[in-house]
Amino acid sequence: MSCKMTKKQFKKRWESNYKGGGITFDDVAECCIAWGIASCPRIMSIEDVRYLVLKAANTVDAEEFKPEGRE
């Protein structure tokens, strides 16, 4: 698997509507690996993975998805 989206493409799609542009967890996990954030995102908390990818893509709402206790 490899992420077919750049960070810019991910951001645009994520911010395109209230459903996240149809982005799935598979998409998020693939981007997490491709962008060098984590090598095994599927063994991590889904909330952590989503937040890290949203931060990396610089989405406007990334902080809304920050898991409790994360600095």
C-alpha atoms as a PDB file:
ATOM      1  CA  MET A   1       0.000   0.000   0.000  1.00  0.00           C
ATOM      2  CA  SER A   2       1.101   3.520  -0.659  1.00  0.00           C
ATOM      3  CA  CYS A   3      -0.616   6.809  -0.090  1.00  0.00           C
ATOM      4  CA  LYS A   4      -1.883   8.230  -3.324  1.00  0.00           C
ATOM      5  CA  MET A   5      -2.348  11.668  -1.787  1.00  0.00           C
ATOM      6  CA  THR A   6       0.110  14.388  -1.024  1.00  0.00           C
ATOM      7  CA  LYS A   7      -0.383  16.359   2.176  1.00  0.00           C
ATOM      8  CA  LYS A   8      -1.903  19.170   0.125  1.00  0.00           C
ATOM      9  CA  GLN A   9      -4.345  16.794  -1.611  1.00  0.00           C
ATOM     10  CA  PHE A  10      -5.269  15.188   1.704  1.00  0.00           C
ATOM     11  CA  LYS A  11      -5.918  18.592   3.290  1.00  0.00           C
ATOM     12  CA  LYS A  12      -8.086  19.737   0.393  1.00  0.00           C
ATOM     13  CA  ARG A  13     -10.120  16.541   0.411  1.00  0.00           C
ATOM     14  CA  TRP A  14     -10.449  16.420   4.238  1.00  0.00           C
ATOM     15  CA  GLU A  15     -11.645  20.018   4.388  1.00  0.00           C
ATOM     16  CA  SER A  16     -14.022  19.628   1.426  1.00  0.00           C
ATOM     17  CA  ASN A  17     -17.032  18.614   3.539  1.00  0.00           C
ATOM     18  CA  TYR A  18     -18.215  17.556   6.991  1.00  0.00           C
ATOM     19  CA  LYS A  19     -17.581  13.874   6.181  1.00  0.00           C
ATOM     20  CA  GLY A  20     -13.866  14.414   5.598  1.00  0.00           C
ATOM     21  CA  GLY A  21     -14.124  14.150   1.837  1.00  0.00           C
ATOM     22  CA  GLY A  22     -14.749  10.421   2.078  1.00  0.00           C
ATOM     23  CA  ILE A  23     -11.322   9.700   3.533  1.00  0.00           C
ATOM     24  CA  THR A  24     -11.228   6.282   5.196  1.00  0.00           C
ATOM     25  CA  PHE A  25      -9.010   4.970   7.967  1.00  0.00           C
ATOM     26  CA  ASP A  26      -7.164   2.984   5.290  1.00  0.00           C
ATOM     27  CA  ASP A  27      -6.369   6.294   3.567  1.00  0.00           C
ATOM     28  CA  VAL A  28      -5.185   7.795   6.861  1.00  0.00           C
ATOM     29  CA  ALA A  29      -3.039   4.750   7.682  1.00  0.00           C
ATOM     30  CA  GLU A  30      -1.478   4.716   4.209  1.00  0.00           C
ATOM     31  CA  CYS A  31      -0.625   8.409   4.444  1.00  0.00           C
ATOM     32  CA  CYS A  32       0.788   7.896   7.929  1.00  0.00           C
ATOM     33  CA  ILE A  33       3.248   5.351   6.551  1.00  0.00           C
ATOM     34  CA  ALA A  34       4.029   7.162   3.281  1.00  0.00           C
ATOM     35  CA  TRP A  35       4.679  10.473   5.014  1.00  0.00           C
ATOM     36  CA  GLY A  36       7.053   8.859   7.516  1.00  0.00           C
ATOM     37  CA  ILE A  37       4.903   9.541  10.587  1.00  0.00           C
ATOM     38  CA  ALA A  38       4.756   5.930  11.801  1.00  0.00           C
ATOM     39  CA  SER A  39       5.610   2.587  10.271  1.00  0.00           C
ATOM     40  CA  CYS A  40       2.817   0.555  11.912  1.00  0.00           C
ATOM     41  CA  PRO A  41      -0.229   2.807  12.320  1.00  0.00           C
ATOM     42  CA  ARG A  42      -2.649  -0.120  12.520  1.00  0.00           C
ATOM     43  CA  ILE A  43      -1.308  -1.104  15.938  1.00  0.00           C
ATOM     44  CA  MET A  44      -1.669   2.449  17.251  1.00  0.00           C
ATOM     45  CA  SER A  45      -4.744   4.171  18.610  1.00  0.00           C
ATOM     46  CA  ILE A  46      -6.946   5.303  15.719  1.00  0.00           C
ATOM     47  CA  GLU A  47      -7.368   8.681  17.422  1.00  0.00           C
ATOM     48  CA  ASP A  48      -3.596   9.190  17.617  1.00  0.00           C
ATOM     49  CA  VAL A  49      -3.052   8.190  13.998  1.00  0.00           C
ATOM     50  CA  ARG A  50      -5.834  10.454  12.741  1.00  0.00           C
ATOM     51  CA  TYR A  51      -4.507  13.395  14.759  1.00  0.00           C
ATOM     52  CA  LEU A  52      -0.917  12.927  13.606  1.00  0.00           C
ATOM     53  CA  VAL A  53      -1.948  12.755   9.951  1.00  0.00           C
ATOM     54  CA  LEU A  54      -4.255  15.774  10.254  1.00  0.00           C
ATOM     55  CA  LYS A  55      -1.411  17.737  11.902  1.00  0.00           C
ATOM     56  CA  ALA A  56       1.036  16.678   9.187  1.00  0.00           C
ATOM     57  CA  ALA A  57      -1.404  17.785   6.482  1.00  0.00           C
ATOM     58  CA  ASN A  58      -1.959  21.062   8.374  1.00  0.00           C
ATOM     59  CA  THR A  59      -5.745  20.768   8.327  1.00  0.00           C
ATOM     60  CA  VAL A  60      -7.694  23.647   9.878  1.00  0.00           C
ATOM     61  CA  ASP A  61      -9.441  21.352  12.361  1.00  0.00           C
ATOM     62  CA  ALA A  62      -6.530  19.140  13.441  1.00  0.00           C
ATOM     63  CA  GLU A  63      -6.625  20.390  17.036  1.00  0.00           C
ATOM     64  CA  GLU A  64     -10.285  19.378  17.316  1.00  0.00           C
ATOM     65  CA  PHE A  65      -9.127  15.768  16.940  1.00  0.00           C
ATOM     66  CA  LYS A  66      -6.307  15.970  19.474  1.00  0.00           C
ATOM     67  CA  PRO A  67      -6.645  12.983  21.827  1.00  0.00           C
ATOM     68  CA  GLU A  68      -6.924  13.755  25.524  1.00  0.00           C
ATOM     69  CA  GLY A  69      -3.592  13.796  27.288  1.00  0.00           C
ATOM     70  CA  ARG A  70      -1.598  14.432  24.095  1.00  0.00           C
ATOM     71  CA  GLU A  71       0.696  17.458  24.251  1.00  0.00           C
END
